[in-house]
Amino acid sequence: MIDADATSVLDACDREQRMSAGKRPTLLVYRIVCTDQDALHWPEEDMGNLRVALNALMRLFRL
């Protein structure tokens, strides 16, 4: 259930940020969580989209 909820939240972020110049929030979360990429030099647009996704996950998990 939690996986489906997280996926739904991230899908909503992708839809909300579809006009953003940066990469999709879901892809950015994947790059951080699953592939452990360094985001230090990511463009500002990508950092903003990552922030949107992480904030949505925090709300979901009530952190």
Protein backbone atom coordinates (compact mmCIF):
# COMPACT_ATOMS: atom_id res chain seq x y z
CA MET A 1 0.00 0.00 0.00
CA ILE A 2 2.79 2.43 0.90
CA ASP A 3 4.54 1.79 -2.44
CA ALA A 4 1.35 2.60 -4.33
CA ASP A 5 0.80 5.76 -2.28
CA ALA A 6 4.36 6.95 -2.86
CA THR A 7 4.08 6.21 -6.58
CA SER A 8 0.81 8.17 -6.76
CA VAL A 9 2.33 11.14 -4.96
CA LEU A 10 5.35 11.18 -7.28
CA ASP A 11 3.15 10.80 -10.36
CA ALA A 12 1.18 13.84 -9.20
CA CYS A 13 4.44 15.77 -8.83
CA ASP A 14 5.42 14.84 -12.38
CA ARG A 15 2.08 16.12 -13.67
CA GLU A 16 2.31 19.35 -11.65
CA GLN A 17 5.86 20.04 -12.86
CA ARG A 18 5.29 18.97 -16.49
CA MET A 19 5.97 22.50 -17.73
CA SER A 20 9.14 22.87 -15.68
CA ALA A 21 12.43 23.23 -17.51
CA GLY A 22 14.03 20.61 -15.26
CA LYS A 23 13.84 16.85 -15.20
CA ARG A 24 10.80 14.99 -13.86
CA PRO A 25 10.65 14.86 -10.04
CA THR A 26 10.26 11.06 -10.11
CA LEU A 27 13.48 10.65 -12.07
CA LEU A 28 15.35 12.94 -9.71
CA VAL A 29 14.17 11.04 -6.62
CA TYR A 30 15.23 7.80 -8.31
CA ARG A 31 18.68 9.22 -9.05
CA ILE A 32 19.14 10.28 -5.43
CA VAL A 33 17.62 7.27 -3.66
CA CYS A 34 18.37 4.33 -5.96
CA THR A 35 21.59 5.27 -7.73
CA ASP A 36 23.06 7.51 -5.00
CA GLN A 37 24.01 10.28 -7.42
CA ASP A 38 25.55 13.48 -6.17
CA ALA A 39 23.17 16.41 -6.72
CA LEU A 40 25.71 19.07 -5.77
CA HIS A 41 26.04 20.42 -9.32
CA TRP A 42 22.50 19.85 -10.60
CA PRO A 43 20.79 22.79 -12.31
CA GLU A 44 18.50 24.97 -10.22
CA GLU A 45 15.43 23.69 -12.08
CA ASP A 46 16.25 20.09 -11.16
CA MET A 47 16.84 21.01 -7.53
CA GLY A 48 13.46 22.74 -7.46
CA ASN A 49 11.72 19.67 -8.92
CA LEU A 50 13.53 17.42 -6.44
CA ARG A 51 12.39 19.68 -3.60
CA VAL A 52 8.77 19.40 -4.79
CA ALA A 53 8.96 15.60 -4.83
CA LEU A 54 10.69 15.28 -1.46
CA ASN A 55 8.21 17.67 0.16
CA ALA A 56 5.33 15.61 -1.22
CA LEU A 57 6.87 12.42 0.19
CA MET A 58 7.37 14.10 3.54
CA ARG A 59 3.68 15.02 3.64
CA LEU A 60 2.72 11.47 2.70
CA PHE A 61 4.88 9.93 5.43
CA ARG A 62 4.02 12.73 7.91
CA LEU A 63 7.63 13.69 8.55
